[in-house]
Amino acid sequence: MFSLFKKKPKGFQDITANEFAELKKAKNHVVLDVRSPGELAEGAIPGYKMINFFDFSFKSKISQLDKSKTYLVYCKSGNRSTRACKTMAKMGFENLYNLKGGIGAWNAR
């Protein structure tokens, strides 16, 4: 009965911009930008793949990705990327990292 109250693991890790940069050096990763194309003016992390979180086909596009890879996910502030990571974790992705503070944190490092 008490197992109903146990907190489930969230399925991803929140990381700093410096940790993101370190993980980016490893092989077998994908930098996933979940912002809208109009937000690119704020900058982008090199080597990114863009899948707009608010696009109606977001889940469909995500389902086509290789689940064996590590995903470094970011957005403008870290909120959308948190939601994207939660969605991806529910879909069976295991190696997920969310950039706390989003592109702003990346640009400020």
PDB file of N, CA and C in Angstrom:
ATOM      1  N   MET A   1       0.808  -1.191   0.000  1.00  0.00           N
ATOM      2  CA  MET A   1       0.000   0.000   0.000  1.00  0.00           C
ATOM      3  C   MET A   1       0.859   1.265   0.000  1.00  0.00           C
ATOM      4  N   PHE A   2       1.922   1.278   0.797  1.00  0.00           N
ATOM      5  CA  PHE A   2       2.758   2.464   0.874  1.00  0.00           C
ATOM      6  C   PHE A   2       3.594   2.660  -0.379  1.00  0.00           C
ATOM      7  N   SER A   3       3.690   1.640  -1.209  1.00  0.00           N
ATOM      8  CA  SER A   3       4.453   1.794  -2.446  1.00  0.00           C
ATOM      9  C   SER A   3       3.801   2.820  -3.378  1.00  0.00           C
ATOM     10  N   LEU A   4       2.534   3.126  -3.166  1.00  0.00           N
ATOM     11  CA  LEU A   4       1.866   4.143  -3.969  1.00  0.00           C
ATOM     12  C   LEU A   4       2.454   5.524  -3.730  1.00  0.00           C
ATOM     13  N   PHE A   5       3.058   5.711  -2.566  1.00  0.00           N
ATOM     14  CA  PHE A   5       3.584   7.021  -2.199  1.00  0.00           C
ATOM     15  C   PHE A   5       5.066   7.179  -2.476  1.00  0.00           C
ATOM     16  N   LYS A   6       5.709   6.138  -2.943  1.00  0.00           N
ATOM     17  CA  LYS A   6       7.126   6.236  -3.268  1.00  0.00           C
ATOM     18  C   LYS A   6       7.299   7.106  -4.497  1.00  0.00           C
ATOM     19  N   LYS A   7       8.285   7.953  -4.438  1.00  0.00           N
ATOM     20  CA  LYS A   7       8.560   8.837  -5.569  1.00  0.00           C
ATOM     21  C   LYS A   7       9.272   8.056  -6.667  1.00  0.00           C
ATOM     22  N   LYS A   8       8.742   8.141  -7.873  1.00  0.00           N
ATOM     23  CA  LYS A   8       9.366   7.470  -9.011  1.00  0.00           C
ATOM     24  C   LYS A   8      10.566   8.293  -9.466  1.00  0.00           C
ATOM     25  N   PRO A   9      11.636   7.628  -9.905  1.00  0.00           N
ATOM     26  CA  PRO A   9      12.757   8.392 -10.459  1.00  0.00           C
ATOM     27  C   PRO A   9      12.291   9.121 -11.717  1.00  0.00           C
ATOM     28  N   LYS A  10      12.847  10.313 -11.942  1.00  0.00           N
ATOM     29  CA  LYS A  10      12.355  11.104 -13.064  1.00  0.00           C
ATOM     30  C   LYS A  10      12.890  10.653 -14.417  1.00  0.00           C
ATOM     31  N   GLY A  11      13.915   9.828 -14.452  1.00  0.00           N
ATOM     32  CA  GLY A  11      14.379   9.271 -15.714  1.00  0.00           C
ATOM     33  C   GLY A  11      15.399  10.105 -16.466  1.00  0.00           C
ATOM     34  N   PHE A  12      15.837  11.206 -15.867  1.00  0.00           N
ATOM     35  CA  PHE A  12      16.850  12.040 -16.493  1.00  0.00           C
ATOM     36  C   PHE A  12      17.562  12.829 -15.409  1.00  0.00           C
ATOM     37  N   GLN A  13      18.680  13.448 -15.794  1.00  0.00           N
ATOM     38  CA  GLN A  13      19.445  14.254 -14.848  1.00  0.00           C
ATOM     39  C   GLN A  13      19.482  15.699 -15.315  1.00  0.00           C
ATOM     40  N   ASP A  14      19.319  16.614 -14.369  1.00  0.00           N
ATOM     41  CA  ASP A  14      19.532  18.032 -14.634  1.00  0.00           C
ATOM     42  C   ASP A  14      21.020  18.303 -14.458  1.00  0.00           C
ATOM     43  N   ILE A  15      21.624  18.994 -15.414  1.00  0.00           N
ATOM     44  CA  ILE A  15      23.059  19.262 -15.345  1.00  0.00           C
ATOM     45  C   ILE A  15      23.344  20.724 -15.652  1.00  0.00           C
ATOM     46  N   THR A  16      24.514  21.178 -15.221  1.00  0.00           N
ATOM     47  CA  THR A  16      24.952  22.551 -15.482  1.00  0.00           C
ATOM     48  C   THR A  16      25.511  22.664 -16.903  1.00  0.00           C
ATOM     49  N   ALA A  17      25.729  23.897 -17.325  1.00  0.00           N
ATOM     50  CA  ALA A  17      26.308  24.131 -18.654  1.00  0.00           C
ATOM     51  C   ALA A  17      27.702  23.521 -18.771  1.00  0.00           C
ATOM     52  N   ASN A  18      28.495  23.590 -17.706  1.00  0.00           N
ATOM     53  CA  ASN A  18      29.839  22.996 -17.749  1.00  0.00           C
ATOM     54  C   ASN A  18      29.765  21.478 -17.843  1.00  0.00           C
ATOM     55  N   GLU A  19      28.832  20.862 -17.114  1.00  0.00           N
ATOM     56  CA  GLU A  19      28.656  19.409 -17.203  1.00  0.00           C
ATOM     57  C   GLU A  19      28.169  19.026 -18.604  1.00  0.00           C
ATOM     58  N   PHE A  20      27.278  19.836 -19.163  1.00  0.00           N
ATOM     59  CA  PHE A  20      26.769  19.625 -20.521  1.00  0.00           C
ATOM     60  C   PHE A  20      27.932  19.639 -21.514  1.00  0.00           C
ATOM     61  N   ALA A  21      28.818  20.631 -21.366  1.00  0.00           N
ATOM     62  CA  ALA A  21      29.981  20.752 -22.258  1.00  0.00           C
ATOM     63  C   ALA A  21      30.885  19.523 -22.146  1.00  0.00           C
ATOM     64  N   GLU A  22      31.064  19.004 -20.941  1.00  0.00           N
ATOM     65  CA  GLU A  22      31.897  17.811 -20.756  1.00  0.00           C
ATOM     66  C   GLU A  22      31.263  16.592 -21.418  1.00  0.00           C
ATOM     67  N   LEU A  23      29.952  16.402 -21.211  1.00  0.00           N
ATOM     68  CA  LEU A  23      29.261  15.263 -21.824  1.00  0.00           C
ATOM     69  C   LEU A  23      29.253  15.370 -23.345  1.00  0.00           C
ATOM     70  N   LYS A  24      29.255  16.580 -23.840  1.00  0.00           N
ATOM     71  CA  LYS A  24      29.255  16.817 -25.286  1.00  0.00           C
ATOM     72  C   LYS A  24      30.537  16.307 -25.944  1.00  0.00           C
ATOM     73  N   LYS A  25      31.599  16.192 -25.178  1.00  0.00           N
ATOM     74  CA  LYS A  25      32.873  15.701 -25.707  1.00  0.00           C
ATOM     75  C   LYS A  25      32.852  14.193 -25.975  1.00  0.00           C
ATOM     76  N   ALA A  26      31.955  13.480 -25.300  1.00  0.00           N
ATOM     77  CA  ALA A  26      31.874  12.020 -25.447  1.00  0.00           C
ATOM     78  C   ALA A  26      31.230  11.657 -26.781  1.00  0.00           C
ATOM     79  N   LYS A  27      31.477  10.437 -27.203  1.00  0.00           N
ATOM     80  CA  LYS A  27      30.864   9.939 -28.429  1.00  0.00           C
ATOM     81  C   LYS A  27      29.473   9.393 -28.106  1.00  0.00           C
ATOM     82  N   ASN A  28      28.728   9.113 -29.149  1.00  0.00           N
ATOM     83  CA  ASN A  28      27.406   8.498 -29.042  1.00  0.00           C
ATOM     84  C   ASN A  28      26.387   9.392 -28.338  1.00  0.00           C
ATOM     85  N   HIS A  29      26.467  10.694 -28.586  1.00  0.00           N
ATOM     86  CA  HIS A  29      25.488  11.605 -27.997  1.00  0.00           C
ATOM     87  C   HIS A  29      24.792  12.407 -29.100  1.00  0.00           C
ATOM     88  N   VAL A  30      23.634  12.950 -28.729  1.00  0.00           N
ATOM     89  CA  VAL A  30      22.888  13.837 -29.604  1.00  0.00           C
ATOM     90  C   VAL A  30      22.543  15.075 -28.781  1.00  0.00           C
ATOM     91  N   VAL A  31      22.889  16.248 -29.304  1.00  0.00           N
ATOM     92  CA  VAL A  31      22.479  17.506 -28.682  1.00  0.00           C
ATOM     93  C   VAL A  31      21.107  17.822 -29.278  1.00  0.00           C
ATOM     94  N   LEU A  32      20.089  17.828 -28.415  1.00  0.00           N
ATOM     95  CA  LEU A  32      18.712  17.995 -28.873  1.00  0.00           C
ATOM     96  C   LEU A  32      18.158  19.338 -28.415  1.00  0.00           C
ATOM     97  N   ASP A  33      17.876  20.202 -29.376  1.00  0.00           N
ATOM     98  CA  ASP A  33      17.309  21.526 -29.135  1.00  0.00           C
ATOM     99  C   ASP A  33      15.797  21.400 -29.321  1.00  0.00           C
ATOM    100  N   VAL A  34      15.023  21.656 -28.268  1.00  0.00           N
ATOM    101  CA  VAL A  34      13.569  21.494 -28.353  1.00  0.00           C
ATOM    102  C   VAL A  34      12.849  22.839 -28.458  1.00  0.00           C
ATOM    103  N   ARG A  35      13.595  23.898 -28.821  1.00  0.00           N
ATOM    104  CA  ARG A  35      12.988  25.215 -29.012  1.00  0.00           C
ATOM    105  C   ARG A  35      12.323  25.299 -30.376  1.00  0.00           C
ATOM    106  N   SER A  36      11.667  26.428 -30.614  1.00  0.00           N
ATOM    107  CA  SER A  36      11.087  26.679 -31.935  1.00  0.00           C
ATOM    108  C   SER A  36      12.175  27.264 -32.835  1.00  0.00           C
ATOM    109  N   PRO A  37      12.051  27.113 -34.141  1.00  0.00           N
ATOM    110  CA  PRO A  37      13.060  27.658 -35.048  1.00  0.00           C
ATOM    111  C   PRO A  37      13.280  29.166 -34.879  1.00  0.00           C
ATOM    112  N   GLY A  38      12.251  29.897 -34.497  1.00  0.00           N
ATOM    113  CA  GLY A  38      12.374  31.334 -34.304  1.00  0.00           C
ATOM    114  C   GLY A  38      13.293  31.728 -33.163  1.00  0.00           C
ATOM    115  N   GLU A  39      13.559  30.788 -32.256  1.00  0.00           N
ATOM    116  CA  GLU A  39      14.410  31.069 -31.101  1.00  0.00           C
ATOM    117  C   GLU A  39      15.900  30.902 -31.398  1.00  0.00           C
ATOM    118  N   LEU A  40      16.249  30.492 -32.594  1.00  0.00           N
ATOM    119  CA  LEU A  40      17.655  30.290 -32.953  1.00  0.00           C
ATOM    120  C   LEU A  40      18.469  31.573 -32.883  1.00  0.00           C
ATOM    121  N   ALA A  41      17.809  32.716 -32.963  1.00  0.00           N
ATOM    122  CA  ALA A  41      18.515  34.000 -32.887  1.00  0.00           C
ATOM    123  C   ALA A  41      19.235  34.170 -31.544  1.00  0.00           C
ATOM    124  N   GLU A  42      18.784  33.437 -30.527  1.00  0.00           N
ATOM    125  CA  GLU A  42      19.416  33.498 -29.200  1.00  0.00           C
ATOM    126  C   GLU A  42      20.690  32.665 -29.144  1.00  0.00           C
ATOM    127  N   GLY A  43      20.997  32.007 -30.235  1.00  0.00           N
ATOM    128  CA  GLY A  43      22.171  31.142 -30.283  1.00  0.00           C
ATOM    129  C   GLY A  43      21.767  29.688 -30.246  1.00  0.00           C
ATOM    130  N   ALA A  44      22.728  28.835 -30.503  1.00  0.00           N
ATOM    131  CA  ALA A  44      22.493  27.390 -30.483  1.00  0.00           C
ATOM    132  C   ALA A  44      23.783  26.703 -30.061  1.00  0.00           C
ATOM    133  N   ILE A  45      23.632  25.533 -29.521  1.00  0.00           N
ATOM    134  CA  ILE A  45      24.786  24.730 -29.132  1.00  0.00           C
ATOM    135  C   ILE A  45      25.248  23.974 -30.379  1.00  0.00           C
ATOM    136  N   PRO A  46      26.524  24.072 -30.734  1.00  0.00           N
ATOM    137  CA  PRO A  46      27.017  23.441 -31.960  1.00  0.00           C
ATOM    138  C   PRO A  46      26.666  21.949 -32.037  1.00  0.00           C
ATOM    139  N   GLY A  47      26.283  21.546 -33.243  1.00  0.00           N
ATOM    140  CA  GLY A  47      25.981  20.143 -33.507  1.00  0.00           C
ATOM    141  C   GLY A  47      24.570  19.730 -33.113  1.00  0.00           C
ATOM    142  N   TYR A  48      23.706  20.688 -32.861  1.00  0.00           N
ATOM    143  CA  TYR A  48      22.360  20.383 -32.386  1.00  0.00           C
ATOM    144  C   TYR A  48      21.479  19.756 -33.455  1.00  0.00           C
ATOM    145  N   LYS A  49      20.487  19.019 -32.999  1.00  0.00           N
ATOM    146  CA  LYS A  49      19.383  18.527 -33.823  1.00  0.00           C
ATOM    147  C   LYS A  49      18.147  19.182 -33.234  1.00  0.00           C
ATOM    148  N   MET A  50      17.351  19.851 -34.053  1.00  0.00           N
ATOM    149  CA  MET A  50      16.181  20.560 -33.544  1.00  0.00           C
ATOM    150  C   MET A  50      14.913  19.751 -33.758  1.00  0.00           C
ATOM    151  N   ILE A  51      14.175  19.564 -32.661  1.00  0.00           N
ATOM    152  CA  ILE A  51      12.823  19.009 -32.723  1.00  0.00           C
ATOM    153  C   ILE A  51      11.984  19.872 -31.788  1.00  0.00           C
ATOM    154  N   ASN A  52      11.158  20.710 -32.365  1.00  0.00           N
ATOM    155  CA  ASN A  52      10.343  21.668 -31.625  1.00  0.00           C
ATOM    156  C   ASN A  52       9.365  20.940 -30.699  1.00  0.00           C
ATOM    157  N   PHE A  53       9.484  21.210 -29.401  1.00  0.00           N
ATOM    158  CA  PHE A  53       8.619  20.564 -28.421  1.00  0.00           C
ATOM    159  C   PHE A  53       7.143  20.862 -28.680  1.00  0.00           C
ATOM    160  N   PHE A  54       6.846  22.028 -29.178  1.00  0.00           N
ATOM    161  CA  PHE A  54       5.456  22.417 -29.408  1.00  0.00           C
ATOM    162  C   PHE A  54       4.910  21.982 -30.773  1.00  0.00           C
ATOM    163  N   ASP A  55       5.731  21.335 -31.583  1.00  0.00           N
ATOM    164  CA  ASP A  55       5.282  20.814 -32.873  1.00  0.00           C
ATOM    165  C   ASP A  55       4.347  19.624 -32.615  1.00  0.00           C
ATOM    166  N   PHE A  56       3.246  19.552 -33.339  1.00  0.00           N
ATOM    167  CA  PHE A  56       2.283  18.470 -33.140  1.00  0.00           C
ATOM    168  C   PHE A  56       2.895  17.087 -33.373  1.00  0.00           C
ATOM    169  N   SER A  57       3.987  17.026 -34.133  1.00  0.00           N
ATOM    170  CA  SER A  57       4.613  15.735 -34.433  1.00  0.00           C
ATOM    171  C   SER A  57       5.827  15.444 -33.535  1.00  0.00           C
ATOM    172  N   PHE A  58       5.957  16.168 -32.410  1.00  0.00           N
ATOM    173  CA  PHE A  58       7.113  15.993 -31.530  1.00  0.00           C
ATOM    174  C   PHE A  58       7.301  14.529 -31.125  1.00  0.00           C
ATOM    175  N   LYS A  59       6.265  13.903 -30.587  1.00  0.00           N
ATOM    176  CA  LYS A  59       6.394  12.511 -30.128  1.00  0.00           C
ATOM    177  C   LYS A  59       6.734  11.571 -31.277  1.00  0.00           C
ATOM    178  N   SER A  60       6.150  11.810 -32.421  1.00  0.00           N
ATOM    179  CA  SER A  60       6.431  10.978 -33.594  1.00  0.00           C
ATOM    180  C   SER A  60       7.896  11.086 -34.004  1.00  0.00           C
ATOM    181  N   LYS A  61       8.409  12.314 -34.017  1.00  0.00           N
ATOM    182  CA  LYS A  61       9.815  12.522 -34.388  1.00  0.00           C
ATOM    183  C   LYS A  61      10.751  11.923 -33.344  1.00  0.00           C
ATOM    184  N   ILE A  62      10.415  12.074 -32.076  1.00  0.00           N
ATOM    185  CA  ILE A  62      11.227  11.520 -30.994  1.00  0.00           C
ATOM    186  C   ILE A  62      11.252   9.993 -31.078  1.00  0.00           C
ATOM    187  N   SER A  63      10.125   9.394 -31.407  1.00  0.00           N
ATOM    188  CA  SER A  63      10.045   7.927 -31.467  1.00  0.00           C
ATOM    189  C   SER A  63      10.971   7.339 -32.526  1.00  0.00           C
ATOM    190  N   GLN A  64      11.414   8.150 -33.480  1.00  0.00           N
ATOM    191  CA  GLN A  64      12.308   7.673 -34.536  1.00  0.00           C
ATOM    192  C   GLN A  64      13.785   7.744 -34.143  1.00  0.00           C
ATOM    193  N   LEU A  65      14.076   8.326 -32.984  1.00  0.00           N
ATOM    194  CA  LEU A  65      15.465   8.463 -32.539  1.00  0.00           C
ATOM    195  C   LEU A  65      15.993   7.165 -31.949  1.00  0.00           C
ATOM    196  N   ASP A  66      17.290   7.004 -31.982  1.00  0.00           N
ATOM    197  CA  ASP A  66      17.989   5.829 -31.462  1.00  0.00           C
ATOM    198  C   ASP A  66      18.047   5.891 -29.931  1.00  0.00           C
ATOM    199  N   LYS A  67      17.372   4.976 -29.262  1.00  0.00           N
ATOM    200  CA  LYS A  67      17.304   4.973 -27.798  1.00  0.00           C
ATOM    201  C   LYS A  67      18.624   4.585 -27.141  1.00  0.00           C
ATOM    202  N   SER A  68      19.565   4.065 -27.903  1.00  0.00           N
ATOM    203  CA  SER A  68      20.849   3.666 -27.317  1.00  0.00           C
ATOM    204  C   SER A  68      21.803   4.853 -27.150  1.00  0.00           C
ATOM    205  N   LYS A  69      21.467   5.976 -27.752  1.00  0.00           N
ATOM    206  CA  LYS A  69      22.330   7.156 -27.660  1.00  0.00           C
ATOM    207  C   LYS A  69      22.053   7.949 -26.384  1.00  0.00           C
ATOM    208  N   THR A  70      22.979   8.829 -26.050  1.00  0.00           N
ATOM    209  CA  THR A  70      22.828   9.766 -24.938  1.00  0.00           C
ATOM    210  C   THR A  70      22.274  11.060 -25.502  1.00  0.00           C
ATOM    211  N   TYR A  71      21.253  11.609 -24.860  1.00  0.00           N
ATOM    212  CA  TYR A  71      20.619  12.838 -25.331  1.00  0.00           C
ATOM    213  C   TYR A  71      20.880  13.976 -24.350  1.00  0.00           C
ATOM    214  N   LEU A  72      21.463  15.044 -24.889  1.00  0.00           N
ATOM    215  CA  LEU A  72      21.732  16.270 -24.151  1.00  0.00           C
ATOM    216  C   LEU A  72      20.685  17.267 -24.630  1.00  0.00           C
ATOM    217  N   VAL A  73      19.698  17.531 -23.795  1.00  0.00           N
ATOM    218  CA  VAL A  73      18.505  18.265 -24.213  1.00  0.00           C
ATOM    219  C   VAL A  73      18.516  19.680 -23.639  1.00  0.00           C
ATOM    220  N   TYR A  74      18.164  20.653 -24.490  1.00  0.00           N
ATOM    221  CA  TYR A  74      18.093  22.032 -24.004  1.00  0.00           C
ATOM    222  C   TYR A  74      16.992  22.815 -24.710  1.00  0.00           C
ATOM    223  N   CYS A  75      16.622  23.918 -24.084  1.00  0.00           N
ATOM    224  CA  CYS A  75      15.640  24.844 -24.640  1.00  0.00           C
ATOM    225  C   CYS A  75      16.067  26.259 -24.255  1.00  0.00           C
ATOM    226  N   LYS A  76      15.126  27.163 -24.105  1.00  0.00           N
ATOM    227  CA  LYS A  76      15.459  28.537 -23.758  1.00  0.00           C
ATOM    228  C   LYS A  76      15.846  28.667 -22.285  1.00  0.00           C
ATOM    229  N   SER A  77      15.063  28.055 -21.388  1.00  0.00           N
ATOM    230  CA  SER A  77      15.283  28.250 -19.957  1.00  0.00           C
ATOM    231  C   SER A  77      15.438  26.965 -19.151  1.00  0.00           C
ATOM    232  N   GLY A  78      15.137  25.836 -19.753  1.00  0.00           N
ATOM    233  CA  GLY A  78      15.201  24.560 -19.042  1.00  0.00           C
ATOM    234  C   GLY A  78      13.838  23.961 -18.737  1.00  0.00           C
ATOM    235  N   ASN A  79      12.770  24.721 -18.946  1.00  0.00           N
ATOM    236  CA  ASN A  79      11.426  24.203 -18.651  1.00  0.00           C
ATOM    237  C   ASN A  79      10.924  23.236 -19.723  1.00  0.00           C
ATOM    238  N   ARG A  80      10.970  23.646 -20.969  1.00  0.00           N
ATOM    239  CA  ARG A  80      10.532  22.763 -22.060  1.00  0.00           C
ATOM    240  C   ARG A  80      11.404  21.524 -22.147  1.00  0.00           C
ATOM    241  N   SER A  81      12.717  21.704 -21.947  1.00  0.00           N
ATOM    242  CA  SER A  81      13.610  20.550 -22.037  1.00  0.00           C
ATOM    243  C   SER A  81      13.328  19.565 -20.899  1.00  0.00           C
ATOM    244  N   THR A  82      12.916  20.070 -19.733  1.00  0.00           N
ATOM    245  CA  THR A  82      12.503  19.176 -18.645  1.00  0.00           C
ATOM    246  C   THR A  82      11.296  18.365 -19.088  1.00  0.00           C
ATOM    247  N   ARG A  83      10.321  19.030 -19.673  1.00  0.00           N
ATOM    248  CA  ARG A  83       9.122  18.338 -20.153  1.00  0.00           C
ATOM    249  C   ARG A  83       9.463  17.351 -21.268  1.00  0.00           C
ATOM    250  N   ALA A  84      10.375  17.743 -22.148  1.00  0.00           N
ATOM    251  CA  ALA A  84      10.795  16.849 -23.229  1.00  0.00           C
ATOM    252  C   ALA A  84      11.476  15.610 -22.656  1.00  0.00           C
ATOM    253  N   CYS A  85      12.341  15.798 -21.659  1.00  0.00           N
ATOM    254  CA  CYS A  85      13.029  14.662 -21.033  1.00  0.00           C
ATOM    255  C   CYS A  85      12.033  13.722 -20.363  1.00  0.00           C
ATOM    256  N   LYS A  86      11.035  14.281 -19.705  1.00  0.00           N
ATOM    257  CA  LYS A  86      10.003  13.443 -19.069  1.00  0.00           C
ATOM    258  C   LYS A  86       9.265  12.621 -20.118  1.00  0.00           C
ATOM    259  N   THR A  87       8.919  13.253 -21.229  1.00  0.00           N
ATOM    260  CA  THR A  87       8.242  12.549 -22.321  1.00  0.00           C
ATOM    261  C   THR A  87       9.131  11.447 -22.876  1.00  0.00           C
ATOM    262  N   MET A  88      10.386  11.771 -23.105  1.00  0.00           N
ATOM    263  CA  MET A  88      11.319  10.787 -23.658  1.00  0.00           C
ATOM    264  C   MET A  88      11.547   9.626 -22.698  1.00  0.00           C
ATOM    265  N   ALA A  89      11.635   9.914 -21.409  1.00  0.00           N
ATOM    266  CA  ALA A  89      11.817   8.847 -20.411  1.00  0.00           C
ATOM    267  C   ALA A  89      10.626   7.892 -20.439  1.00  0.00           C
ATOM    268  N   LYS A  90       9.429   8.428 -20.555  1.00  0.00           N
ATOM    269  CA  LYS A  90       8.225   7.590 -20.637  1.00  0.00           C
ATOM    270  C   LYS A  90       8.229   6.736 -21.898  1.00  0.00           C
ATOM    271  N   MET A  91       8.931   7.204 -22.931  1.00  0.00           N
ATOM    272  CA  MET A  91       9.003   6.474 -24.198  1.00  0.00           C
ATOM    273  C   MET A  91      10.133   5.441 -24.207  1.00  0.00           C
ATOM    274  N   GLY A  92      10.879   5.351 -23.100  1.00  0.00           N
ATOM    275  CA  GLY A  92      11.916   4.324 -23.001  1.00  0.00           C
ATOM    276  C   GLY A  92      13.345   4.794 -23.188  1.00  0.00           C
ATOM    277  N   PHE A  93      13.568   6.102 -23.339  1.00  0.00           N
ATOM    278  CA  PHE A  93      14.933   6.625 -23.436  1.00  0.00           C
ATOM    279  C   PHE A  93      15.537   6.615 -22.036  1.00  0.00           C
ATOM    280  N   GLU A  94      16.802   6.218 -21.928  1.00  0.00           N
ATOM    281  CA  GLU A  94      17.421   6.063 -20.614  1.00  0.00           C
ATOM    282  C   GLU A  94      18.554   7.042 -20.343  1.00  0.00           C
ATOM    283  N   ASN A  95      19.230   7.510 -21.353  1.00  0.00           N
ATOM    284  CA  ASN A  95      20.393   8.382 -21.170  1.00  0.00           C
ATOM    285  C   ASN A  95      20.034   9.809 -21.539  1.00  0.00           C
ATOM    286  N   LEU A  96      19.388  10.491 -20.593  1.00  0.00           N
ATOM    287  CA  LEU A  96      18.867  11.832 -20.830  1.00  0.00           C
ATOM    288  C   LEU A  96      19.460  12.826 -19.850  1.00  0.00           C
ATOM    289  N   TYR A  97      19.897  13.967 -20.386  1.00  0.00           N
ATOM    290  CA  TYR A  97      20.460  15.033 -19.561  1.00  0.00           C
ATOM    291  C   TYR A  97      19.821  16.352 -19.973  1.00  0.00           C
ATOM    292  N   ASN A  98      19.294  17.066 -18.996  1.00  0.00           N
ATOM    293  CA  ASN A  98      18.624  18.339 -19.216  1.00  0.00           C
ATOM    294  C   ASN A  98      19.535  19.482 -18.790  1.00  0.00           C
ATOM    295  N   LEU A  99      19.725  20.450 -19.670  1.00  0.00           N
ATOM    296  CA  LEU A  99      20.554  21.611 -19.372  1.00  0.00           C
ATOM    297  C   LEU A  99      19.762  22.598 -18.509  1.00  0.00           C
ATOM    298  N   LYS A 100      20.151  22.707 -17.234  1.00  0.00           N
ATOM    299  CA  LYS A 100      19.514  23.669 -16.335  1.00  0.00           C
ATOM    300  C   LYS A 100      19.825  25.081 -16.822  1.00  0.00           C
ATOM    301  N   GLY A 101      18.804  25.899 -16.942  1.00  0.00           N
ATOM    302  CA  GLY A 101      19.001  27.277 -17.387  1.00  0.00           C
ATOM    303  C   GLY A 101      19.001  27.460 -18.881  1.00  0.00           C
ATOM    304  N   GLY A 102      18.937  26.376 -19.631  1.00  0.00           N
ATOM    305  CA  GLY A 102      18.823  26.430 -21.081  1.00  0.00           C
ATOM    306  C   GLY A 102      19.959  27.143 -21.795  1.00  0.00           C
ATOM    307  N   ILE A 103      19.626  27.703 -22.961  1.00  0.00           N
ATOM    308  CA  ILE A 103      20.639  28.347 -23.800  1.00  0.00           C
ATOM    309  C   ILE A 103      21.260  29.549 -23.082  1.00  0.00           C
ATOM    310  N   GLY A 104      20.506  30.178 -22.199  1.00  0.00           N
ATOM    311  CA  GLY A 104      21.037  31.298 -21.431  1.00  0.00           C
ATOM    312  C   GLY A 104      22.208  30.873 -20.563  1.00  0.00           C
ATOM    313  N   ALA A 105      22.067  29.712 -19.913  1.00  0.00           N
ATOM    314  CA  ALA A 105      23.159  29.187 -19.086  1.00  0.00           C
ATOM    315  C   ALA A 105      24.355  28.814 -19.957  1.00  0.00           C
ATOM    316  N   TRP A 106      24.073  28.229 -21.125  1.00  0.00           N
ATOM    317  CA  TRP A 106      25.146  27.857 -22.047  1.00  0.00           C
ATOM    318  C   TRP A 106      25.928  29.091 -22.508  1.00  0.00           C
ATOM    319  N   ASN A 107      25.193  30.134 -22.903  1.00  0.00           N
ATOM    320  CA  ASN A 107      25.833  31.354 -23.387  1.00  0.00           C
ATOM    321  C   ASN A 107      26.607  32.086 -22.297  1.00  0.00           C
ATOM    322  N   ALA A 108      26.205  31.913 -21.053  1.00  0.00           N
ATOM    323  CA  ALA A 108      26.845  32.619 -19.928  1.00  0.00           C
ATOM    324  C   ALA A 108      28.065  31.909 -19.373  1.00  0.00           C
ATOM    325  N   ARG A 109      28.304  30.665 -19.798  1.00  0.00           N
ATOM    326  CA  ARG A 109      29.413  29.912 -19.195  1.00  0.00           C
ATOM    327  C   ARG A 109      30.762  30.410 -19.641  1.00  0.00           C
TER     328      ARG A 109
END
